[in-house]
């Protein structure tokens, strides 16, 4: 920790650690490790990958635009 503080408190700005370098220091390793969530009965809650679920259930902007344009074409052809 003393080593980190010395690197942060360097007088010359170009020699001083940048913010991302400070946060990447091993002193902060414990903060990067997120403990597994635990229920009140002591059982660990399994990790759910919400990103995959979100990607599989939501349309992208381009898919929505393509669907809108095909709906407009169908409506025009019916007229």
PDB file of N, CA and C in Angstrom:
ATOM      1  N   UNK A   1       0.827  -1.186   0.000  1.00  0.00           N
ATOM      2  CA  UNK A   1       0.000   0.000   0.000  1.00  0.00           C
ATOM      3  C   UNK A   1       0.876   1.256   0.000  1.00  0.00           C
ATOM      4  N   UNK A   2       1.949   1.225   0.715  1.00  0.00           N
ATOM      5  CA  UNK A   2       2.856   2.375   0.763  1.00  0.00           C
ATOM      6  C   UNK A   2       3.410   2.643  -0.633  1.00  0.00           C
ATOM      7  N   UNK A   3       3.718   1.573  -1.332  1.00  0.00           N
ATOM      8  CA  UNK A   3       4.241   1.693  -2.699  1.00  0.00           C
ATOM      9  C   UNK A   3       3.210   2.380  -3.608  1.00  0.00           C
ATOM     10  N   UNK A   4       1.949   2.020  -3.446  1.00  0.00           N
ATOM     11  CA  UNK A   4       0.879   2.626  -4.240  1.00  0.00           C
ATOM     12  C   UNK A   4       0.751   4.112  -3.916  1.00  0.00           C
ATOM     13  N   UNK A   5       0.746   4.444  -2.651  1.00  0.00           N
ATOM     14  CA  UNK A   5       0.641   5.850  -2.252  1.00  0.00           C
ATOM     15  C   UNK A   5       1.815   6.674  -2.761  1.00  0.00           C
ATOM     16  N   UNK A   6       3.006   6.107  -2.715  1.00  0.00           N
ATOM     17  CA  UNK A   6       4.174   6.824  -3.220  1.00  0.00           C
ATOM     18  C   UNK A   6       4.038   7.087  -4.721  1.00  0.00           C
ATOM     19  N   UNK A   7       3.480   6.123  -5.447  1.00  0.00           N
ATOM     20  CA  UNK A   7       3.310   6.294  -6.891  1.00  0.00           C
ATOM     21  C   UNK A   7       2.217   7.309  -7.212  1.00  0.00           C
ATOM     22  N   UNK A   8       1.211   7.413  -6.349  1.00  0.00           N
ATOM     23  CA  UNK A   8       0.125   8.380  -6.559  1.00  0.00           C
ATOM     24  C   UNK A   8       0.582   9.795  -6.216  1.00  0.00           C
ATOM     25  N   UNK A   9       1.403   9.925  -5.194  1.00  0.00           N
ATOM     26  CA  UNK A   9       1.784  11.241  -4.680  1.00  0.00           C
ATOM     27  C   UNK A   9       3.062  11.809  -5.293  1.00  0.00           C
ATOM     28  N   UNK A  10       3.468  11.298  -6.432  1.00  0.00           N
ATOM     29  CA  UNK A  10       4.638  11.828  -7.131  1.00  0.00           C
ATOM     30  C   UNK A  10       4.315  13.249  -7.587  1.00  0.00           C
ATOM     31  N   UNK A  11       5.251  14.161  -7.386  1.00  0.00           N
ATOM     32  CA  UNK A  11       5.026  15.572  -7.704  1.00  0.00           C
ATOM     33  C   UNK A  11       4.892  15.821  -9.208  1.00  0.00           C
ATOM     34  N   UNK A  12       5.714  15.186 -10.008  1.00  0.00           N
ATOM     35  CA  UNK A  12       5.694  15.395 -11.457  1.00  0.00           C
ATOM     36  C   UNK A  12       4.488  14.669 -12.074  1.00  0.00           C
ATOM     37  N   UNK A  13       3.567  15.388 -12.711  1.00  0.00           N
ATOM     38  CA  UNK A  13       2.350  14.769 -13.249  1.00  0.00           C
ATOM     39  C   UNK A  13       2.608  13.667 -14.275  1.00  0.00           C
ATOM     40  N   UNK A  14       3.622  13.829 -15.116  1.00  0.00           N
ATOM     41  CA  UNK A  14       3.881  12.824 -16.151  1.00  0.00           C
ATOM     42  C   UNK A  14       4.471  11.539 -15.564  1.00  0.00           C
ATOM     43  N   UNK A  15       4.981  11.594 -14.341  1.00  0.00           N
ATOM     44  CA  UNK A  15       5.514  10.403 -13.671  1.00  0.00           C
ATOM     45  C   UNK A  15       4.488   9.751 -12.735  1.00  0.00           C
ATOM     46  N   UNK A  16       3.431  10.486 -12.419  1.00  0.00           N
ATOM     47  CA  UNK A  16       2.404  10.027 -11.494  1.00  0.00           C
ATOM     48  C   UNK A  16       1.534   8.956 -12.152  1.00  0.00           C
ATOM     49  N   UNK A  17       1.021   8.003 -11.360  1.00  0.00           N
ATOM     50  CA  UNK A  17       0.118   6.976 -11.887  1.00  0.00           C
ATOM     51  C   UNK A  17      -1.187   7.607 -12.356  1.00  0.00           C
ATOM     52  N   UNK A  18      -1.704   7.102 -13.452  1.00  0.00           N
ATOM     53  CA  UNK A  18      -3.009   7.534 -13.965  1.00  0.00           C
ATOM     54  C   UNK A  18      -4.102   6.810 -13.173  1.00  0.00           C
ATOM     55  N   UNK A  19      -5.321   7.282 -13.279  1.00  0.00           N
ATOM     56  CA  UNK A  19      -6.434   6.693 -12.535  1.00  0.00           C
ATOM     57  C   UNK A  19      -6.634   5.218 -12.812  1.00  0.00           C
ATOM     58  N   UNK A  20      -6.584   4.831 -14.100  1.00  0.00           N
ATOM     59  CA  UNK A  20      -6.779   3.416 -14.434  1.00  0.00           C
ATOM     60  C   UNK A  20      -5.616   2.557 -13.948  1.00  0.00           C
ATOM     61  N   UNK A  21      -4.426   3.128 -13.867  1.00  0.00           N
ATOM     62  CA  UNK A  21      -3.275   2.394 -13.341  1.00  0.00           C
ATOM     63  C   UNK A  21      -3.415   2.178 -11.830  1.00  0.00           C
ATOM     64  N   UNK A  22      -3.946   3.187 -11.148  1.00  0.00           N
ATOM     65  CA  UNK A  22      -4.172   3.056  -9.706  1.00  0.00           C
ATOM     66  C   UNK A  22      -5.203   1.963  -9.444  1.00  0.00           C
ATOM     67  N   UNK A  23      -6.305   1.993 -10.186  1.00  0.00           N
ATOM     68  CA  UNK A  23      -7.354   0.994  -9.983  1.00  0.00           C
ATOM     69  C   UNK A  23      -6.906  -0.405 -10.379  1.00  0.00           C
ATOM     70  N   UNK A  24      -5.929  -0.512 -11.264  1.00  0.00           N
ATOM     71  CA  UNK A  24      -5.405  -1.807 -11.669  1.00  0.00           C
ATOM     72  C   UNK A  24      -4.365  -2.372 -10.716  1.00  0.00           C
ATOM     73  N   UNK A  25      -3.995  -1.604  -9.703  1.00  0.00           N
ATOM     74  CA  UNK A  25      -2.984  -2.050  -8.737  1.00  0.00           C
ATOM     75  C   UNK A  25      -3.505  -3.245  -7.936  1.00  0.00           C
ATOM     76  N   UNK A  26      -2.604  -4.100  -7.510  1.00  0.00           N
ATOM     77  CA  UNK A  26      -2.979  -5.312  -6.770  1.00  0.00           C
ATOM     78  C   UNK A  26      -3.654  -5.004  -5.431  1.00  0.00           C
ATOM     79  N   UNK A  27      -3.505  -3.801  -4.921  1.00  0.00           N
ATOM     80  CA  UNK A  27      -4.174  -3.416  -3.674  1.00  0.00           C
ATOM     81  C   UNK A  27      -5.691  -3.549  -3.799  1.00  0.00           C
ATOM     82  N   UNK A  28      -6.230  -3.347  -4.996  1.00  0.00           N
ATOM     83  CA  UNK A  28      -7.673  -3.375  -5.217  1.00  0.00           C
ATOM     84  C   UNK A  28      -8.189  -4.731  -5.704  1.00  0.00           C
ATOM     85  N   UNK A  29      -7.360  -5.760  -5.693  1.00  0.00           N
ATOM     86  CA  UNK A  29      -7.784  -7.081  -6.172  1.00  0.00           C
ATOM     87  C   UNK A  29      -8.993  -7.620  -5.418  1.00  0.00           C
ATOM     88  N   UNK A  30      -9.056  -7.398  -4.117  1.00  0.00           N
ATOM     89  CA  UNK A  30     -10.187  -7.898  -3.333  1.00  0.00           C
ATOM     90  C   UNK A  30     -11.505  -7.275  -3.786  1.00  0.00           C
ATOM     91  N   UNK A  31     -11.473  -6.049  -4.238  1.00  0.00           N
ATOM     92  CA  UNK A  31     -12.696  -5.385  -4.685  1.00  0.00           C
ATOM     93  C   UNK A  31     -13.185  -5.919  -6.025  1.00  0.00           C
ATOM     94  N   UNK A  32     -12.296  -6.468  -6.825  1.00  0.00           N
ATOM     95  CA  UNK A  32     -12.683  -7.009  -8.132  1.00  0.00           C
ATOM     96  C   UNK A  32     -13.314  -8.388  -8.023  1.00  0.00           C
ATOM     97  N   UNK A  33     -13.059  -9.079  -6.926  1.00  0.00           N
ATOM     98  CA  UNK A  33     -13.615 -10.413  -6.735  1.00  0.00           C
ATOM     99  C   UNK A  33     -14.958 -10.289  -6.027  1.00  0.00           C
ATOM    100  N   UNK A  34     -16.036 -10.534  -6.770  1.00  0.00           N
ATOM    101  CA  UNK A  34     -17.381 -10.426  -6.217  1.00  0.00           C
ATOM    102  C   UNK A  34     -17.747 -11.762  -5.573  1.00  0.00           C
ATOM    103  N   UNK A  35     -18.093 -11.753  -4.295  1.00  0.00           N
ATOM    104  CA  UNK A  35     -18.469 -13.011  -3.656  1.00  0.00           C
ATOM    105  C   UNK A  35     -19.811 -13.512  -4.189  1.00  0.00           C
ATOM    106  N   UNK A  36     -19.986 -14.825  -4.172  1.00  0.00           N
ATOM    107  CA  UNK A  36     -21.242 -15.410  -4.628  1.00  0.00           C
ATOM    108  C   UNK A  36     -22.358 -15.003  -3.668  1.00  0.00           C
ATOM    109  N   UNK A  37     -23.529 -14.629  -4.204  1.00  0.00           N
ATOM    110  CA  UNK A  37     -24.643 -14.260  -3.324  1.00  0.00           C
ATOM    111  C   UNK A  37     -25.127 -15.480  -2.544  1.00  0.00           C
ATOM    112  N   UNK A  38     -25.494 -15.259  -1.297  1.00  0.00           N
ATOM    113  CA  UNK A  38     -25.913 -16.349  -0.413  1.00  0.00           C
ATOM    114  C   UNK A  38     -27.310 -16.048   0.114  1.00  0.00           C
ATOM    115  N   UNK A  39     -28.160 -17.077   0.128  1.00  0.00           N
ATOM    116  CA  UNK A  39     -29.512 -16.937   0.685  1.00  0.00           C
ATOM    117  C   UNK A  39     -29.431 -16.890   2.207  1.00  0.00           C
ATOM    118  N   UNK A  40     -30.540 -16.530   2.834  1.00  0.00           N
ATOM    119  CA  UNK A  40     -30.566 -16.459   4.297  1.00  0.00           C
ATOM    120  C   UNK A  40     -30.357 -17.823   4.944  1.00  0.00           C
ATOM    121  N   UNK A  41     -30.657 -18.917   4.199  1.00  0.00           N
ATOM    122  CA  UNK A  41     -30.445 -20.254   4.756  1.00  0.00           C
ATOM    123  C   UNK A  41     -29.020 -20.758   4.515  1.00  0.00           C
ATOM    124  N   UNK A  42     -28.162 -19.938   3.901  1.00  0.00           N
ATOM    125  CA  UNK A  42     -26.769 -20.295   3.695  1.00  0.00           C
ATOM    126  C   UNK A  42     -26.450 -20.902   2.344  1.00  0.00           C
ATOM    127  N   UNK A  43     -27.465 -21.207   1.542  1.00  0.00           N
ATOM    128  CA  UNK A  43     -27.224 -21.797   0.224  1.00  0.00           C
ATOM    129  C   UNK A  43     -26.815 -20.713  -0.770  1.00  0.00           C
ATOM    130  N   UNK A  44     -25.884 -21.053  -1.636  1.00  0.00           N
ATOM    131  CA  UNK A  44     -25.383 -20.107  -2.636  1.00  0.00           C
ATOM    132  C   UNK A  44     -26.399 -19.985  -3.768  1.00  0.00           C
ATOM    133  N   UNK A  45     -26.645 -18.767  -4.209  1.00  0.00           N
ATOM    134  CA  UNK A  45     -27.539 -18.518  -5.338  1.00  0.00           C
ATOM    135  C   UNK A  45     -26.726 -18.689  -6.613  1.00  0.00           C
ATOM    136  N   UNK A  46     -27.176 -19.537  -7.547  1.00  0.00           N
ATOM    137  CA  UNK A  46     -26.397 -19.756  -8.773  1.00  0.00           C
ATOM    138  C   UNK A  46     -26.382 -18.509  -9.649  1.00  0.00           C
ATOM    139  N   UNK A  47     -25.304 -18.349 -10.389  1.00  0.00           N
ATOM    140  CA  UNK A  47     -25.155 -17.215 -11.303  1.00  0.00           C
ATOM    141  C   UNK A  47     -26.026 -17.434 -12.533  1.00  0.00           C
ATOM    142  N   UNK A  48     -26.787 -16.434 -12.903  1.00  0.00           N
ATOM    143  CA  UNK A  48     -27.598 -16.488 -14.111  1.00  0.00           C
ATOM    144  C   UNK A  48     -27.009 -15.519 -15.117  1.00  0.00           C
ATOM    145  N   UNK A  49     -26.853 -15.968 -16.336  1.00  0.00           N
ATOM    146  CA  UNK A  49     -26.279 -15.121 -17.375  1.00  0.00           C
ATOM    147  C   UNK A  49     -27.411 -14.377 -18.073  1.00  0.00           C
ATOM    148  N   UNK A  50     -27.765 -13.214 -17.542  1.00  0.00           N
ATOM    149  CA  UNK A  50     -28.886 -12.446 -18.066  1.00  0.00           C
ATOM    150  C   UNK A  50     -28.611 -11.892 -19.455  1.00  0.00           C
ATOM    151  N   UNK A  51     -27.358 -11.669 -19.791  1.00  0.00           N
ATOM    152  CA  UNK A  51     -27.025 -11.080 -21.090  1.00  0.00           C
ATOM    153  C   UNK A  51     -27.455 -12.008 -22.216  1.00  0.00           C
ATOM    154  N   UNK A  52     -27.185 -13.300 -22.094  1.00  0.00           N
ATOM    155  CA  UNK A  52     -27.587 -14.250 -23.131  1.00  0.00           C
ATOM    156  C   UNK A  52     -29.101 -14.277 -23.243  1.00  0.00           C
ATOM    157  N   UNK A  53     -29.803 -14.288 -22.110  1.00  0.00           N
ATOM    158  CA  UNK A  53     -31.264 -14.293 -22.121  1.00  0.00           C
ATOM    159  C   UNK A  53     -31.783 -13.023 -22.784  1.00  0.00           C
ATOM    160  N   UNK A  54     -31.209 -11.898 -22.448  1.00  0.00           N
ATOM    161  CA  UNK A  54     -31.640 -10.625 -23.015  1.00  0.00           C
ATOM    162  C   UNK A  54     -31.416 -10.610 -24.524  1.00  0.00           C
ATOM    163  N   UNK A  55     -30.275 -11.095 -24.976  1.00  0.00           N
ATOM    164  CA  UNK A  55     -29.987 -11.095 -26.400  1.00  0.00           C
ATOM    165  C   UNK A  55     -30.932 -12.018 -27.154  1.00  0.00           C
ATOM    166  N   UNK A  56     -31.340 -13.118 -26.543  1.00  0.00           N
ATOM    167  CA  UNK A  56     -32.195 -14.075 -27.239  1.00  0.00           C
ATOM    168  C   UNK A  56     -33.650 -13.637 -27.258  1.00  0.00           C
ATOM    169  N   UNK A  57     -34.048 -12.712 -26.384  1.00  0.00           N
ATOM    170  CA  UNK A  57     -35.454 -12.319 -26.312  1.00  0.00           C
ATOM    171  C   UNK A  57     -35.734 -10.933 -26.869  1.00  0.00           C
ATOM    172  N   UNK A  58     -34.720 -10.168 -27.161  1.00  0.00           N
ATOM    173  CA  UNK A  58     -34.934  -8.816 -27.655  1.00  0.00           C
ATOM    174  C   UNK A  58     -34.410  -8.679 -29.072  1.00  0.00           C
ATOM    175  N   UNK A  59     -35.157  -7.936 -29.868  1.00  0.00           N
ATOM    176  CA  UNK A  59     -34.722  -7.667 -31.235  1.00  0.00           C
ATOM    177  C   UNK A  59     -33.661  -6.574 -31.224  1.00  0.00           C
ATOM    178  N   UNK A  60     -32.789  -6.647 -32.176  1.00  0.00           N
ATOM    179  CA  UNK A  60     -31.828  -5.563 -32.335  1.00  0.00           C
ATOM    180  C   UNK A  60     -32.503  -4.427 -33.085  1.00  0.00           C
ATOM    181  N   UNK A  61     -31.897  -3.279 -33.084  1.00  0.00           N
ATOM    182  CA  UNK A  61     -32.455  -2.111 -33.762  1.00  0.00           C
ATOM    183  C   UNK A  61     -32.628  -2.381 -35.259  1.00  0.00           C
ATOM    184  N   UNK A  62     -31.667  -3.035 -35.884  1.00  0.00           N
ATOM    185  CA  UNK A  62     -31.756  -3.301 -37.321  1.00  0.00           C
ATOM    186  C   UNK A  62     -32.866  -4.304 -37.619  1.00  0.00           C
ATOM    187  N   UNK A  63     -33.077  -5.286 -36.746  1.00  0.00           N
ATOM    188  CA  UNK A  63     -34.168  -6.241 -36.954  1.00  0.00           C
ATOM    189  C   UNK A  63     -35.514  -5.540 -36.858  1.00  0.00           C
ATOM    190  N   UNK A  64     -35.657  -4.612 -35.910  1.00  0.00           N
ATOM    191  CA  UNK A  64     -36.905  -3.866 -35.774  1.00  0.00           C
ATOM    192  C   UNK A  64     -37.145  -3.005 -37.009  1.00  0.00           C
ATOM    193  N   UNK A  65     -36.098  -2.363 -37.514  1.00  0.00           N
ATOM    194  CA  UNK A  65     -36.222  -1.507 -38.685  1.00  0.00           C
ATOM    195  C   UNK A  65     -36.621  -2.338 -39.900  1.00  0.00           C
ATOM    196  N   UNK A  66     -36.004  -3.514 -40.064  1.00  0.00           N
ATOM    197  CA  UNK A  66     -36.346  -4.389 -41.185  1.00  0.00           C
ATOM    198  C   UNK A  66     -37.787  -4.868 -41.086  1.00  0.00           C
ATOM    199  N   UNK A  67     -38.230  -5.192 -39.876  1.00  0.00           N
ATOM    200  CA  UNK A  67     -39.606  -5.646 -39.685  1.00  0.00           C
ATOM    201  C   UNK A  67     -40.582  -4.523 -39.987  1.00  0.00           C
ATOM    202  N   UNK A  68     -40.265  -3.297 -39.576  1.00  0.00           N
ATOM    203  CA  UNK A  68     -41.133  -2.156 -39.853  1.00  0.00           C
ATOM    204  C   UNK A  68     -41.231  -1.893 -41.350  1.00  0.00           C
ATOM    205  N   UNK A  69     -40.114  -1.961 -42.063  1.00  0.00           N
ATOM    206  CA  UNK A  69     -40.135  -1.691 -43.503  1.00  0.00           C
ATOM    207  C   UNK A  69     -40.894  -2.781 -44.247  1.00  0.00           C
ATOM    208  N   UNK A  70     -40.793  -4.040 -43.821  1.00  0.00           N
ATOM    209  CA  UNK A  70     -41.539  -5.107 -44.498  1.00  0.00           C
ATOM    210  C   UNK A  70     -43.024  -4.979 -44.211  1.00  0.00           C
ATOM    211  N   UNK A  71     -43.409  -4.510 -43.023  1.00  0.00           N
ATOM    212  CA  UNK A  71     -44.819  -4.271 -42.709  1.00  0.00           C
ATOM    213  C   UNK A  71     -45.376  -3.157 -43.584  1.00  0.00           C
ATOM    214  N   UNK A  72     -44.593  -2.099 -43.798  1.00  0.00           N
ATOM    215  CA  UNK A  72     -45.031  -0.994 -44.645  1.00  0.00           C
ATOM    216  C   UNK A  72     -45.207  -1.453 -46.087  1.00  0.00           C
ATOM    217  N   UNK A  73     -44.299  -2.289 -46.577  1.00  0.00           N
ATOM    218  CA  UNK A  73     -44.395  -2.799 -47.944  1.00  0.00           C
ATOM    219  C   UNK A  73     -45.642  -3.659 -48.117  1.00  0.00           C
ATOM    220  N   UNK A  74     -45.964  -4.475 -47.122  1.00  0.00           N
ATOM    221  CA  UNK A  74     -47.160  -5.306 -47.192  1.00  0.00           C
ATOM    222  C   UNK A  74     -48.412  -4.447 -47.206  1.00  0.00           C
ATOM    223  N   UNK A  75     -48.434  -3.399 -46.391  1.00  0.00           N
ATOM    224  CA  UNK A  75     -49.592  -2.513 -46.344  1.00  0.00           C
ATOM    225  C   UNK A  75     -49.776  -1.786 -47.673  1.00  0.00           C
ATOM    226  N   UNK A  76     -48.694  -1.365 -48.311  1.00  0.00           N
ATOM    227  CA  UNK A  76     -48.778  -0.676 -49.593  1.00  0.00           C
ATOM    228  C   UNK A  76     -49.238  -1.621 -50.694  1.00  0.00           C
ATOM    229  N   UNK A  77     -48.823  -2.867 -50.650  1.00  0.00           N
ATOM    230  CA  UNK A  77     -49.219  -3.819 -51.689  1.00  0.00           C
ATOM    231  C   UNK A  77     -50.685  -4.202 -51.559  1.00  0.00           C
ATOM    232  N   UNK A  78     -51.260  -4.093 -50.392  1.00  0.00           N
ATOM    233  CA  UNK A  78     -52.675  -4.408 -50.181  1.00  0.00           C
ATOM    234  C   UNK A  78     -53.580  -3.295 -50.682  1.00  0.00           C
ATOM    235  N   UNK A  79     -53.065  -2.087 -50.839  1.00  0.00           N
ATOM    236  CA  UNK A  79     -53.889  -0.934 -51.253  1.00  0.00           C
ATOM    237  C   UNK A  79     -54.262  -0.999 -52.688  1.00  0.00           C
TER     238      UNK A  79
END
